[in-house]
């Protein structure tokens, strides 16, 4: 994580570097924008933290999602309703958090979970 190392101002320990790289790959695979993640990594270093996943989940910084002409996001997911995913902004881009009730309940949100929303009713 070059952004983390640059903000830290010193070399990053190997274990921390490996952890942050694994977390960055995971978050990028979920569709989070690289520039947004780099900004969160810089914040980590400034605060003395080293958990990118936790910081990304708790971040209140808006994520710009590109939309096509039909209004679908570039990730192909329906737009997040904002009512599901118990208090986690990760539900915006990760459908596993688009559940009702407790996290892991398995009850998929009928308003925005991709398994429950068809392209015709988006």
PDB file of N, CA and C in Angstrom:
ATOM      1  N   UNK A   1       0.849  -1.176   0.000  1.00  0.00           N
ATOM      2  CA  UNK A   1       0.000   0.000   0.000  1.00  0.00           C
ATOM      3  C   UNK A   1       0.895   1.239   0.000  1.00  0.00           C
ATOM      4  N   UNK A   2       1.116   1.746  -1.151  1.00  0.00           N
ATOM      5  CA  UNK A   2       1.970   2.922  -1.294  1.00  0.00           C
ATOM      6  C   UNK A   2       1.380   4.140  -0.595  1.00  0.00           C
ATOM      7  N   UNK A   3       0.059   4.313  -0.634  1.00  0.00           N
ATOM      8  CA  UNK A   3      -0.583   5.468   0.008  1.00  0.00           C
ATOM      9  C   UNK A   3      -0.359   5.428   1.514  1.00  0.00           C
ATOM     10  N   UNK A   4      -0.479   4.256   2.109  1.00  0.00           N
ATOM     11  CA  UNK A   4      -0.269   4.098   3.549  1.00  0.00           C
ATOM     12  C   UNK A   4       1.182   4.409   3.910  1.00  0.00           C
ATOM     13  N   UNK A   5       2.119   3.824   3.164  1.00  0.00           N
ATOM     14  CA  UNK A   5       3.542   4.033   3.442  1.00  0.00           C
ATOM     15  C   UNK A   5       3.926   5.500   3.280  1.00  0.00           C
ATOM     16  N   UNK A   6       3.412   6.150   2.246  1.00  0.00           N
ATOM     17  CA  UNK A   6       3.739   7.570   2.023  1.00  0.00           C
ATOM     18  C   UNK A   6       3.200   8.425   3.156  1.00  0.00           C
ATOM     19  N   UNK A   7       1.979   8.153   3.607  1.00  0.00           N
ATOM     20  CA  UNK A   7       1.396   8.933   4.697  1.00  0.00           C
ATOM     21  C   UNK A   7       2.081   8.625   6.023  1.00  0.00           C
ATOM     22  N   UNK A   8       2.562   7.407   6.184  1.00  0.00           N
ATOM     23  CA  UNK A   8       3.243   7.009   7.406  1.00  0.00           C
ATOM     24  C   UNK A   8       4.606   7.675   7.513  1.00  0.00           C
ATOM     25  N   UNK A   9       5.259   7.860   6.381  1.00  0.00           N
ATOM     26  CA  UNK A   9       6.549   8.535   6.368  1.00  0.00           C
ATOM     27  C   UNK A   9       7.715   7.656   6.786  1.00  0.00           C
ATOM     28  N   UNK A  10       7.500   6.375   6.800  1.00  0.00           N
ATOM     29  CA  UNK A  10       8.574   5.424   7.123  1.00  0.00           C
ATOM     30  C   UNK A  10       8.209   4.079   6.514  1.00  0.00           C
ATOM     31  N   UNK A  11       9.152   3.151   6.450  1.00  0.00           N
ATOM     32  CA  UNK A  11       8.826   1.835   5.897  1.00  0.00           C
ATOM     33  C   UNK A  11       7.748   1.137   6.733  1.00  0.00           C
ATOM     34  N   UNK A  12       6.917   0.377   6.072  1.00  0.00           N
ATOM     35  CA  UNK A  12       5.852  -0.370   6.734  1.00  0.00           C
ATOM     36  C   UNK A  12       6.375  -1.756   7.074  1.00  0.00           C
ATOM     37  N   UNK A  13       6.083  -2.223   8.271  1.00  0.00           N
ATOM     38  CA  UNK A  13       6.520  -3.556   8.669  1.00  0.00           C
ATOM     39  C   UNK A  13       5.887  -4.595   7.744  1.00  0.00           C
ATOM     40  N   UNK A  14       6.612  -5.675   7.481  1.00  0.00           N
ATOM     41  CA  UNK A  14       6.162  -6.687   6.523  1.00  0.00           C
ATOM     42  C   UNK A  14       4.788  -7.263   6.861  1.00  0.00           C
ATOM     43  N   UNK A  15       4.547  -7.569   8.121  1.00  0.00           N
ATOM     44  CA  UNK A  15       3.255  -8.129   8.513  1.00  0.00           C
ATOM     45  C   UNK A  15       2.110  -7.148   8.257  1.00  0.00           C
ATOM     46  N   UNK A  16       2.333  -5.891   8.556  1.00  0.00           N
ATOM     47  CA  UNK A  16       1.322  -4.861   8.331  1.00  0.00           C
ATOM     48  C   UNK A  16       1.095  -4.672   6.840  1.00  0.00           C
ATOM     49  N   UNK A  17       2.178  -4.645   6.088  1.00  0.00           N
ATOM     50  CA  UNK A  17       2.067  -4.490   4.625  1.00  0.00           C
ATOM     51  C   UNK A  17       1.246  -5.633   4.027  1.00  0.00           C
ATOM     52  N   UNK A  18       1.546  -6.866   4.424  1.00  0.00           N
ATOM     53  CA  UNK A  18       0.829  -8.029   3.888  1.00  0.00           C
ATOM     54  C   UNK A  18      -0.653  -7.968   4.252  1.00  0.00           C
ATOM     55  N   UNK A  19      -0.957  -7.591   5.497  1.00  0.00           N
ATOM     56  CA  UNK A  19      -2.353  -7.489   5.931  1.00  0.00           C
ATOM     57  C   UNK A  19      -3.094  -6.439   5.119  1.00  0.00           C
ATOM     58  N   UNK A  20      -2.504  -5.265   4.967  1.00  0.00           N
ATOM     59  CA  UNK A  20      -3.158  -4.184   4.226  1.00  0.00           C
ATOM     60  C   UNK A  20      -3.338  -4.543   2.754  1.00  0.00           C
ATOM     61  N   UNK A  21      -2.358  -5.209   2.171  1.00  0.00           N
ATOM     62  CA  UNK A  21      -2.480  -5.623   0.768  1.00  0.00           C
ATOM     63  C   UNK A  21      -3.605  -6.629   0.588  1.00  0.00           C
ATOM     64  N   UNK A  22      -3.723  -7.600   1.511  1.00  0.00           N
ATOM     65  CA  UNK A  22      -4.822  -8.580   1.443  1.00  0.00           C
ATOM     66  C   UNK A  22      -6.175  -7.871   1.568  1.00  0.00           C
ATOM     67  N   UNK A  23      -6.249  -6.939   2.503  1.00  0.00           N
ATOM     68  CA  UNK A  23      -7.497  -6.216   2.709  1.00  0.00           C
ATOM     69  C   UNK A  23      -7.843  -5.355   1.497  1.00  0.00           C
ATOM     70  N   UNK A  24      -6.854  -4.717   0.910  1.00  0.00           N
ATOM     71  CA  UNK A  24      -7.096  -3.877  -0.263  1.00  0.00           C
ATOM     72  C   UNK A  24      -7.617  -4.718  -1.430  1.00  0.00           C
ATOM     73  N   UNK A  25      -7.033  -5.888  -1.638  1.00  0.00           N
ATOM     74  CA  UNK A  25      -7.489  -6.779  -2.711  1.00  0.00           C
ATOM     75  C   UNK A  25      -8.944  -7.171  -2.458  1.00  0.00           C
ATOM     76  N   UNK A  26      -9.276  -7.514  -1.230  1.00  0.00           N
ATOM     77  CA  UNK A  26     -10.647  -7.898  -0.872  1.00  0.00           C
ATOM     78  C   UNK A  26     -11.625  -6.750  -1.133  1.00  0.00           C
ATOM     79  N   UNK A  27     -11.270  -5.554  -0.725  1.00  0.00           N
ATOM     80  CA  UNK A  27     -12.161  -4.397  -0.890  1.00  0.00           C
ATOM     81  C   UNK A  27     -12.296  -3.986  -2.353  1.00  0.00           C
ATOM     82  N   UNK A  28     -11.221  -4.072  -3.096  1.00  0.00           N
ATOM     83  CA  UNK A  28     -11.296  -3.770  -4.534  1.00  0.00           C
ATOM     84  C   UNK A  28     -12.190  -4.787  -5.241  1.00  0.00           C
ATOM     85  N   UNK A  29     -12.101  -6.050  -4.836  1.00  0.00           N
ATOM     86  CA  UNK A  29     -12.929  -7.092  -5.441  1.00  0.00           C
ATOM     87  C   UNK A  29     -14.413  -6.866  -5.154  1.00  0.00           C
ATOM     88  N   UNK A  30     -14.716  -6.158  -4.078  1.00  0.00           N
ATOM     89  CA  UNK A  30     -16.100  -5.842  -3.737  1.00  0.00           C
ATOM     90  C   UNK A  30     -16.607  -4.617  -4.481  1.00  0.00           C
ATOM     91  N   UNK A  31     -15.717  -3.982  -5.251  1.00  0.00           N
ATOM     92  CA  UNK A  31     -16.145  -2.871  -6.083  1.00  0.00           C
ATOM     93  C   UNK A  31     -15.854  -1.493  -5.538  1.00  0.00           C
ATOM     94  N   UNK A  32     -15.135  -1.398  -4.434  1.00  0.00           N
ATOM     95  CA  UNK A  32     -14.797  -0.073  -3.913  1.00  0.00           C
ATOM     96  C   UNK A  32     -13.765   0.583  -4.826  1.00  0.00           C
ATOM     97  N   UNK A  33     -13.925   1.869  -5.097  1.00  0.00           N
ATOM     98  CA  UNK A  33     -12.986   2.562  -5.992  1.00  0.00           C
ATOM     99  C   UNK A  33     -11.581   2.655  -5.387  1.00  0.00           C
ATOM    100  N   UNK A  34     -10.592   2.457  -6.230  1.00  0.00           N
ATOM    101  CA  UNK A  34      -9.198   2.479  -5.773  1.00  0.00           C
ATOM    102  C   UNK A  34      -8.833   3.815  -5.131  1.00  0.00           C
ATOM    103  N   UNK A  35      -9.234   4.925  -5.741  1.00  0.00           N
ATOM    104  CA  UNK A  35      -8.890   6.244  -5.191  1.00  0.00           C
ATOM    105  C   UNK A  35      -9.502   6.426  -3.802  1.00  0.00           C
ATOM    106  N   UNK A  36     -10.731   5.956  -3.616  1.00  0.00           N
ATOM    107  CA  UNK A  36     -11.397   6.058  -2.318  1.00  0.00           C
ATOM    108  C   UNK A  36     -10.639   5.248  -1.274  1.00  0.00           C
ATOM    109  N   UNK A  37     -10.207   4.033  -1.656  1.00  0.00           N
ATOM    110  CA  UNK A  37      -9.441   3.190  -0.731  1.00  0.00           C
ATOM    111  C   UNK A  37      -8.093   3.797  -0.385  1.00  0.00           C
ATOM    112  N   UNK A  38      -7.433   4.407  -1.359  1.00  0.00           N
ATOM    113  CA  UNK A  38      -6.140   5.057  -1.091  1.00  0.00           C
ATOM    114  C   UNK A  38      -6.310   6.194  -0.081  1.00  0.00           C
ATOM    115  N   UNK A  39      -7.392   6.943  -0.218  1.00  0.00           N
ATOM    116  CA  UNK A  39      -7.662   8.013   0.748  1.00  0.00           C
ATOM    117  C   UNK A  39      -7.884   7.445   2.140  1.00  0.00           C
ATOM    118  N   UNK A  40      -8.598   6.316   2.241  1.00  0.00           N
ATOM    119  CA  UNK A  40      -8.825   5.691   3.553  1.00  0.00           C
ATOM    120  C   UNK A  40      -7.511   5.169   4.114  1.00  0.00           C
ATOM    121  N   UNK A  41      -6.619   4.643   3.265  1.00  0.00           N
ATOM    122  CA  UNK A  41      -5.315   4.148   3.725  1.00  0.00           C
ATOM    123  C   UNK A  41      -4.474   5.291   4.294  1.00  0.00           C
ATOM    124  N   UNK A  42      -4.535   6.457   3.642  1.00  0.00           N
ATOM    125  CA  UNK A  42      -3.801   7.619   4.166  1.00  0.00           C
ATOM    126  C   UNK A  42      -4.336   8.015   5.543  1.00  0.00           C
ATOM    127  N   UNK A  43      -5.655   7.935   5.702  1.00  0.00           N
ATOM    128  CA  UNK A  43      -6.252   8.251   7.006  1.00  0.00           C
ATOM    129  C   UNK A  43      -5.784   7.264   8.069  1.00  0.00           C
ATOM    130  N   UNK A  44      -5.669   5.984   7.705  1.00  0.00           N
ATOM    131  CA  UNK A  44      -5.193   4.970   8.648  1.00  0.00           C
ATOM    132  C   UNK A  44      -3.838   5.360   9.219  1.00  0.00           C
ATOM    133  N   UNK A  45      -2.918   5.671   8.331  1.00  0.00           N
ATOM    134  CA  UNK A  45      -1.561   6.001   8.751  1.00  0.00           C
ATOM    135  C   UNK A  45      -1.551   7.233   9.651  1.00  0.00           C
ATOM    136  N   UNK A  46      -2.329   8.236   9.287  1.00  0.00           N
ATOM    137  CA  UNK A  46      -2.367   9.477  10.075  1.00  0.00           C
ATOM    138  C   UNK A  46      -2.911   9.236  11.479  1.00  0.00           C
ATOM    139  N   UNK A  47      -3.755   8.222  11.630  1.00  0.00           N
ATOM    140  CA  UNK A  47      -4.371   7.939  12.931  1.00  0.00           C
ATOM    141  C   UNK A  47      -3.664   6.819  13.693  1.00  0.00           C
ATOM    142  N   UNK A  48      -2.656   6.221  13.065  1.00  0.00           N
ATOM    143  CA  UNK A  48      -1.933   5.138  13.710  1.00  0.00           C
ATOM    144  C   UNK A  48      -2.669   3.813  13.683  1.00  0.00           C
ATOM    145  N   UNK A  49      -3.587   3.644  12.749  1.00  0.00           N
ATOM    146  CA  UNK A  49      -4.369   2.425  12.624  1.00  0.00           C
ATOM    147  C   UNK A  49      -3.797   1.550  11.524  1.00  0.00           C
ATOM    148  N   UNK A  50      -4.229   0.276  11.485  1.00  0.00           N
ATOM    149  CA  UNK A  50      -3.734  -0.631  10.442  1.00  0.00           C
ATOM    150  C   UNK A  50      -4.775  -1.670  10.039  1.00  0.00           C
ATOM    151  N   UNK A  51      -6.070  -1.303  10.055  1.00  0.00           N
ATOM    152  CA  UNK A  51      -7.118  -2.230   9.623  1.00  0.00           C
ATOM    153  C   UNK A  51      -7.990  -1.527   8.592  1.00  0.00           C
ATOM    154  N   UNK A  52      -7.690  -1.764   7.332  1.00  0.00           N
ATOM    155  CA  UNK A  52      -8.370  -1.077   6.236  1.00  0.00           C
ATOM    156  C   UNK A  52      -9.830  -1.500   6.106  1.00  0.00           C
ATOM    157  N   UNK A  53     -10.134  -2.763   6.317  1.00  0.00           N
ATOM    158  CA  UNK A  53     -11.514  -3.238   6.213  1.00  0.00           C
ATOM    159  C   UNK A  53     -12.387  -2.544   7.248  1.00  0.00           C
ATOM    160  N   UNK A  54     -11.937  -2.542   8.481  1.00  0.00           N
ATOM    161  CA  UNK A  54     -12.713  -1.918   9.549  1.00  0.00           C
ATOM    162  C   UNK A  54     -12.901  -0.424   9.282  1.00  0.00           C
ATOM    163  N   UNK A  55     -11.857   0.229   8.837  1.00  0.00           N
ATOM    164  CA  UNK A  55     -11.938   1.663   8.560  1.00  0.00           C
ATOM    165  C   UNK A  55     -12.873   1.943   7.387  1.00  0.00           C
ATOM    166  N   UNK A  56     -12.812   1.124   6.343  1.00  0.00           N
ATOM    167  CA  UNK A  56     -13.687   1.309   5.185  1.00  0.00           C
ATOM    168  C   UNK A  56     -15.148   1.100   5.572  1.00  0.00           C
ATOM    169  N   UNK A  57     -15.421   0.093   6.398  1.00  0.00           N
ATOM    170  CA  UNK A  57     -16.797  -0.169   6.823  1.00  0.00           C
ATOM    171  C   UNK A  57     -17.366   0.969   7.656  1.00  0.00           C
ATOM    172  N   UNK A  58     -16.531   1.624   8.441  1.00  0.00           N
ATOM    173  CA  UNK A  58     -17.005   2.689   9.332  1.00  0.00           C
ATOM    174  C   UNK A  58     -16.926   4.077   8.711  1.00  0.00           C
ATOM    175  N   UNK A  59     -16.295   4.179   7.573  1.00  0.00           N
ATOM    176  CA  UNK A  59     -16.117   5.483   6.937  1.00  0.00           C
ATOM    177  C   UNK A  59     -17.459   6.082   6.519  1.00  0.00           C
ATOM    178  N   UNK A  60     -17.573   7.377   6.721  1.00  0.00           N
ATOM    179  CA  UNK A  60     -18.777   8.092   6.280  1.00  0.00           C
ATOM    180  C   UNK A  60     -18.496   8.918   5.027  1.00  0.00           C
ATOM    181  N   UNK A  61     -17.299   8.767   4.468  1.00  0.00           N
ATOM    182  CA  UNK A  61     -16.945   9.488   3.249  1.00  0.00           C
ATOM    183  C   UNK A  61     -17.738   8.891   2.092  1.00  0.00           C
ATOM    184  N   UNK A  62     -18.461   9.720   1.341  1.00  0.00           N
ATOM    185  CA  UNK A  62     -19.266   9.190   0.230  1.00  0.00           C
ATOM    186  C   UNK A  62     -18.406   8.477  -0.807  1.00  0.00           C
ATOM    187  N   UNK A  63     -19.007   7.474  -1.420  1.00  0.00           N
ATOM    188  CA  UNK A  63     -18.360   6.724  -2.497  1.00  0.00           C
ATOM    189  C   UNK A  63     -19.082   7.085  -3.773  1.00  0.00           C
ATOM    190  N   UNK A  64     -18.329   7.614  -4.732  1.00  0.00           N
ATOM    191  CA  UNK A  64     -18.932   7.920  -6.024  1.00  0.00           C
ATOM    192  C   UNK A  64     -19.072   6.632  -6.802  1.00  0.00           C
ATOM    193  N   UNK A  65     -20.294   6.343  -7.216  1.00  0.00           N
ATOM    194  CA  UNK A  65     -20.560   5.154  -8.013  1.00  0.00           C
ATOM    195  C   UNK A  65     -20.972   5.617  -9.397  1.00  0.00           C
ATOM    196  N   UNK A  66     -20.231   5.171 -10.407  1.00  0.00           N
ATOM    197  CA  UNK A  66     -20.576   5.526 -11.788  1.00  0.00           C
ATOM    198  C   UNK A  66     -21.841   4.791 -12.184  1.00  0.00           C
ATOM    199  N   UNK A  67     -22.696   5.479 -12.909  1.00  0.00           N
ATOM    200  CA  UNK A  67     -23.946   4.876 -13.377  1.00  0.00           C
ATOM    201  C   UNK A  67     -23.995   4.941 -14.896  1.00  0.00           C
ATOM    202  N   UNK A  68     -24.617   3.918 -15.483  1.00  0.00           N
ATOM    203  CA  UNK A  68     -24.795   3.944 -16.930  1.00  0.00           C
ATOM    204  C   UNK A  68     -26.065   4.729 -17.262  1.00  0.00           C
ATOM    205  N   UNK A  69     -26.406   4.821 -18.519  1.00  0.00           N
ATOM    206  CA  UNK A  69     -27.564   5.611 -18.936  1.00  0.00           C
ATOM    207  C   UNK A  69     -28.868   5.066 -18.378  1.00  0.00           C
ATOM    208  N   UNK A  70     -28.934   3.781 -18.097  1.00  0.00           N
ATOM    209  CA  UNK A  70     -30.155   3.189 -17.557  1.00  0.00           C
ATOM    210  C   UNK A  70     -30.253   3.347 -16.045  1.00  0.00           C
ATOM    211  N   UNK A  71     -29.209   3.902 -15.432  1.00  0.00           N
ATOM    212  CA  UNK A  71     -29.217   4.136 -13.991  1.00  0.00           C
ATOM    213  C   UNK A  71     -28.614   3.022 -13.159  1.00  0.00           C
ATOM    214  N   UNK A  72     -28.095   1.975 -13.795  1.00  0.00           N
ATOM    215  CA  UNK A  72     -27.460   0.900 -13.039  1.00  0.00           C
ATOM    216  C   UNK A  72     -26.037   1.306 -12.673  1.00  0.00           C
ATOM    217  N   UNK A  73     -25.577   0.869 -11.519  1.00  0.00           N
ATOM    218  CA  UNK A  73     -24.214   1.190 -11.119  1.00  0.00           C
ATOM    219  C   UNK A  73     -23.234   0.396 -11.956  1.00  0.00           C
ATOM    220  N   UNK A  74     -21.980   0.864 -11.997  1.00  0.00           N
ATOM    221  CA  UNK A  74     -20.956   0.171 -12.772  1.00  0.00           C
ATOM    222  C   UNK A  74     -20.686  -1.218 -12.215  1.00  0.00           C
ATOM    223  N   UNK A  75     -21.052  -1.459 -10.954  1.00  0.00           N
ATOM    224  CA  UNK A  75     -20.845  -2.782 -10.370  1.00  0.00           C
ATOM    225  C   UNK A  75     -21.936  -3.763 -10.780  1.00  0.00           C
ATOM    226  N   UNK A  76     -23.014  -3.262 -11.405  1.00  0.00           N
ATOM    227  CA  UNK A  76     -24.121  -4.119 -11.804  1.00  0.00           C
ATOM    228  C   UNK A  76     -25.118  -4.357 -10.688  1.00  0.00           C
ATOM    229  N   UNK A  77     -24.876  -3.817  -9.498  1.00  0.00           N
ATOM    230  CA  UNK A  77     -25.788  -3.990  -8.375  1.00  0.00           C
ATOM    231  C   UNK A  77     -26.923  -2.986  -8.434  1.00  0.00           C
ATOM    232  N   UNK A  78     -28.106  -3.362  -7.936  1.00  0.00           N
ATOM    233  CA  UNK A  78     -29.157  -2.360  -7.784  1.00  0.00           C
ATOM    234  C   UNK A  78     -28.688  -1.303  -6.774  1.00  0.00           C
ATOM    235  N   UNK A  79     -29.247  -0.132  -6.834  1.00  0.00           N
ATOM    236  CA  UNK A  79     -28.886   0.923  -5.890  1.00  0.00           C
ATOM    237  C   UNK A  79     -29.274   0.501  -4.480  1.00  0.00           C
ATOM    238  N   UNK A  80     -28.411   0.749  -3.503  1.00  0.00           N
ATOM    239  CA  UNK A  80     -28.653   0.389  -2.110  1.00  0.00           C
ATOM    240  C   UNK A  80     -29.797   1.233  -1.562  1.00  0.00           C
ATOM    241  N   UNK A  81     -30.752   0.607  -0.897  1.00  0.00           N
ATOM    242  CA  UNK A  81     -31.917   1.325  -0.362  1.00  0.00           C
ATOM    243  C   UNK A  81     -31.553   2.152   0.869  1.00  0.00           C
ATOM    244  N   UNK A  82     -30.478   1.801   1.567  1.00  0.00           N
ATOM    245  CA  UNK A  82     -30.061   2.535   2.750  1.00  0.00           C
ATOM    246  C   UNK A  82     -30.767   2.085   4.019  1.00  0.00           C
ATOM    247  N   UNK A  83     -31.746   1.203   3.908  1.00  0.00           N
ATOM    248  CA  UNK A  83     -32.510   0.759   5.068  1.00  0.00           C
ATOM    249  C   UNK A  83     -32.053  -0.598   5.599  1.00  0.00           C
ATOM    250  N   UNK A  84     -31.315  -1.338   4.809  1.00  0.00           N
ATOM    251  CA  UNK A  84     -30.865  -2.663   5.226  1.00  0.00           C
ATOM    252  C   UNK A  84     -29.367  -2.620   5.541  1.00  0.00           C
ATOM    253  N   UNK A  85     -28.817  -3.760   5.898  1.00  0.00           N
ATOM    254  CA  UNK A  85     -27.401  -3.797   6.237  1.00  0.00           C
ATOM    255  C   UNK A  85     -27.205  -3.024   7.512  1.00  0.00           C
ATOM    256  N   UNK A  86     -27.444  -3.620   8.656  1.00  0.00           N
ATOM    257  CA  UNK A  86     -27.546  -2.931   9.938  1.00  0.00           C
ATOM    258  C   UNK A  86     -26.398  -1.959  10.218  1.00  0.00           C
ATOM    259  N   UNK A  87     -26.568  -0.742   9.733  1.00  0.00           N
ATOM    260  CA  UNK A  87     -25.623   0.330  10.030  1.00  0.00           C
ATOM    261  C   UNK A  87     -24.276   0.237   9.352  1.00  0.00           C
ATOM    262  N   UNK A  88     -24.126  -0.569   8.322  1.00  0.00           N
ATOM    263  CA  UNK A  88     -22.826  -0.667   7.660  1.00  0.00           C
ATOM    264  C   UNK A  88     -22.868  -0.074   6.264  1.00  0.00           C
ATOM    265  N   UNK A  89     -22.019   0.915   6.001  1.00  0.00           N
ATOM    266  CA  UNK A  89     -21.986   1.486   4.658  1.00  0.00           C
ATOM    267  C   UNK A  89     -21.463   0.506   3.611  1.00  0.00           C
ATOM    268  N   UNK A  90     -20.922  -0.629   4.036  1.00  0.00           N
ATOM    269  CA  UNK A  90     -20.439  -1.627   3.087  1.00  0.00           C
ATOM    270  C   UNK A  90     -21.580  -2.192   2.244  1.00  0.00           C
ATOM    271  N   UNK A  91     -22.810  -2.070   2.736  1.00  0.00           N
ATOM    272  CA  UNK A  91     -23.966  -2.579   1.988  1.00  0.00           C
ATOM    273  C   UNK A  91     -24.148  -1.852   0.663  1.00  0.00           C
ATOM    274  N   UNK A  92     -23.582  -0.661   0.552  1.00  0.00           N
ATOM    275  CA  UNK A  92     -23.674   0.065  -0.720  1.00  0.00           C
ATOM    276  C   UNK A  92     -23.119  -0.747  -1.866  1.00  0.00           C
ATOM    277  N   UNK A  93     -22.003  -1.422  -1.615  1.00  0.00           N
ATOM    278  CA  UNK A  93     -21.305  -2.129  -2.690  1.00  0.00           C
ATOM    279  C   UNK A  93     -21.171  -3.627  -2.474  1.00  0.00           C
ATOM    280  N   UNK A  94     -21.582  -4.123  -1.328  1.00  0.00           N
ATOM    281  CA  UNK A  94     -21.439  -5.543  -1.062  1.00  0.00           C
ATOM    282  C   UNK A  94     -22.794  -6.133  -0.696  1.00  0.00           C
ATOM    283  N   UNK A  95     -23.383  -6.923  -1.602  1.00  0.00           N
ATOM    284  CA  UNK A  95     -24.734  -7.430  -1.350  1.00  0.00           C
ATOM    285  C   UNK A  95     -24.847  -8.361  -0.147  1.00  0.00           C
ATOM    286  N   UNK A  96     -23.751  -8.941   0.332  1.00  0.00           N
ATOM    287  CA  UNK A  96     -23.876  -9.833   1.493  1.00  0.00           C
ATOM    288  C   UNK A  96     -24.334  -9.063   2.729  1.00  0.00           C
ATOM    289  N   UNK A  97     -24.168  -7.740   2.752  1.00  0.00           N
ATOM    290  CA  UNK A  97     -24.616  -6.926   3.871  1.00  0.00           C
ATOM    291  C   UNK A  97     -26.043  -6.407   3.673  1.00  0.00           C
ATOM    292  N   UNK A  98     -26.649  -6.697   2.526  1.00  0.00           N
ATOM    293  CA  UNK A  98     -27.999  -6.208   2.230  1.00  0.00           C
ATOM    294  C   UNK A  98     -29.042  -7.178   2.781  1.00  0.00           C
ATOM    295  N   UNK A  99     -29.041  -7.299   4.105  1.00  0.00           N
ATOM    296  CA  UNK A  99     -29.971  -8.183   4.790  1.00  0.00           C
ATOM    297  C   UNK A  99     -30.786  -7.386   5.793  1.00  0.00           C
ATOM    298  N   UNK A 100     -31.920  -7.953   6.156  1.00  0.00           N
ATOM    299  CA  UNK A 100     -32.780  -7.348   7.163  1.00  0.00           C
ATOM    300  C   UNK A 100     -32.459  -7.990   8.508  1.00  0.00           C
ATOM    301  N   UNK A 101     -32.659  -7.282   9.573  1.00  0.00           N
ATOM    302  CA  UNK A 101     -32.375  -7.830  10.898  1.00  0.00           C
ATOM    303  C   UNK A 101     -30.883  -7.902  11.144  1.00  0.00           C
ATOM    304  N   UNK A 102     -30.498  -8.844  11.967  1.00  0.00           N
ATOM    305  CA  UNK A 102     -29.097  -9.006  12.332  1.00  0.00           C
ATOM    306  C   UNK A 102     -28.257  -9.431  11.137  1.00  0.00           C
ATOM    307  N   UNK A 103     -27.029  -8.962  11.102  1.00  0.00           N
ATOM    308  CA  UNK A 103     -26.106  -9.353  10.042  1.00  0.00           C
ATOM    309  C   UNK A 103     -25.955 -10.869  10.058  1.00  0.00           C
ATOM    310  N   UNK A 104     -26.062 -11.466   8.899  1.00  0.00           N
ATOM    311  CA  UNK A 104     -25.956 -12.910   8.790  1.00  0.00           C
ATOM    312  C   UNK A 104     -27.278 -13.628   8.944  1.00  0.00           C
ATOM    313  N   UNK A 105     -28.367 -12.861   9.067  1.00  0.00           N
ATOM    314  CA  UNK A 105     -29.688 -13.484   9.231  1.00  0.00           C
ATOM    315  C   UNK A 105     -30.100 -14.238   7.982  1.00  0.00           C
ATOM    316  N   UNK A 106     -29.552 -13.836   6.839  1.00  0.00           N
ATOM    317  CA  UNK A 106     -29.893 -14.479   5.589  1.00  0.00           C
ATOM    318  C   UNK A 106     -31.155 -13.941   4.951  1.00  0.00           C
ATOM    319  N   UNK A 107     -31.886 -13.077   5.646  1.00  0.00           N
ATOM    320  CA  UNK A 107     -33.100 -12.503   5.086  1.00  0.00           C
ATOM    321  C   UNK A 107     -32.717 -11.369   4.148  1.00  0.00           C
ATOM    322  N   UNK A 108     -32.803 -11.633   2.857  1.00  0.00           N
ATOM    323  CA  UNK A 108     -32.354 -10.681   1.843  1.00  0.00           C
ATOM    324  C   UNK A 108     -33.326  -9.512   1.716  1.00  0.00           C
ATOM    325  N   UNK A 109     -32.777  -8.324   1.588  1.00  0.00           N
ATOM    326  CA  UNK A 109     -33.602  -7.121   1.463  1.00  0.00           C
ATOM    327  C   UNK A 109     -34.412  -7.177   0.163  1.00  0.00           C
ATOM    328  N   UNK A 110     -35.725  -7.047   0.256  1.00  0.00           N
ATOM    329  CA  UNK A 110     -36.545  -7.109  -0.953  1.00  0.00           C
ATOM    330  C   UNK A 110     -36.418  -5.860  -1.821  1.00  0.00           C
ATOM    331  N   UNK A 111     -35.858  -4.790  -1.264  1.00  0.00           N
ATOM    332  CA  UNK A 111     -35.752  -3.534  -2.004  1.00  0.00           C
ATOM    333  C   UNK A 111     -34.458  -3.382  -2.794  1.00  0.00           C
ATOM    334  N   UNK A 112     -33.363  -4.057  -2.345  1.00  0.00           N
ATOM    335  CA  UNK A 112     -32.101  -3.804  -3.051  1.00  0.00           C
ATOM    336  C   UNK A 112     -31.152  -4.994  -3.151  1.00  0.00           C
ATOM    337  N   UNK A 113     -31.458  -6.142  -2.554  1.00  0.00           N
ATOM    338  CA  UNK A 113     -30.560  -7.293  -2.699  1.00  0.00           C
ATOM    339  C   UNK A 113     -30.667  -7.801  -4.134  1.00  0.00           C
ATOM    340  N   UNK A 114     -29.551  -8.015  -4.834  1.00  0.00           N
ATOM    341  CA  UNK A 114     -29.607  -8.411  -6.246  1.00  0.00           C
ATOM    342  C   UNK A 114     -30.346  -9.724  -6.497  1.00  0.00           C
ATOM    343  N   UNK A 115     -30.430 -10.604  -5.500  1.00  0.00           N
ATOM    344  CA  UNK A 115     -31.180 -11.850  -5.678  1.00  0.00           C
ATOM    345  C   UNK A 115     -32.691 -11.630  -5.609  1.00  0.00           C
ATOM    346  N   UNK A 116     -33.115 -10.485  -5.043  1.00  0.00           N
ATOM    347  CA  UNK A 116     -34.543 -10.209  -4.874  1.00  0.00           C
ATOM    348  C   UNK A 116     -35.061  -9.151  -5.842  1.00  0.00           C
ATOM    349  N   UNK A 117     -34.138  -8.359  -6.429  1.00  0.00           N
ATOM    350  CA  UNK A 117     -34.535  -7.271  -7.321  1.00  0.00           C
ATOM    351  C   UNK A 117     -34.176  -7.656  -8.739  1.00  0.00           C
ATOM    352  N   UNK A 118     -35.129  -7.610  -9.625  1.00  0.00           N
ATOM    353  CA  UNK A 118     -34.860  -7.932 -11.024  1.00  0.00           C
ATOM    354  C   UNK A 118     -34.553  -6.655 -11.781  1.00  0.00           C
ATOM    355  N   UNK A 119     -33.831  -6.730 -12.903  1.00  0.00           N
ATOM    356  CA  UNK A 119     -33.517  -5.536 -13.678  1.00  0.00           C
ATOM    357  C   UNK A 119     -34.772  -4.760 -14.099  1.00  0.00           C
ATOM    358  N   UNK A 120     -35.889  -5.452 -14.279  1.00  0.00           N
ATOM    359  CA  UNK A 120     -37.119  -4.793 -14.719  1.00  0.00           C
ATOM    360  C   UNK A 120     -37.705  -3.867 -13.658  1.00  0.00           C
ATOM    361  N   UNK A 121     -37.473  -4.162 -12.359  1.00  0.00           N
ATOM    362  CA  UNK A 121     -38.060  -3.318 -11.327  1.00  0.00           C
ATOM    363  C   UNK A 121     -37.034  -2.467 -10.579  1.00  0.00           C
ATOM    364  N   UNK A 122     -35.882  -2.253 -11.169  1.00  0.00           N
ATOM    365  CA  UNK A 122     -34.873  -1.369 -10.567  1.00  0.00           C
ATOM    366  C   UNK A 122     -35.261   0.069 -10.727  1.00  0.00           C
TER     367      UNK A 122
END
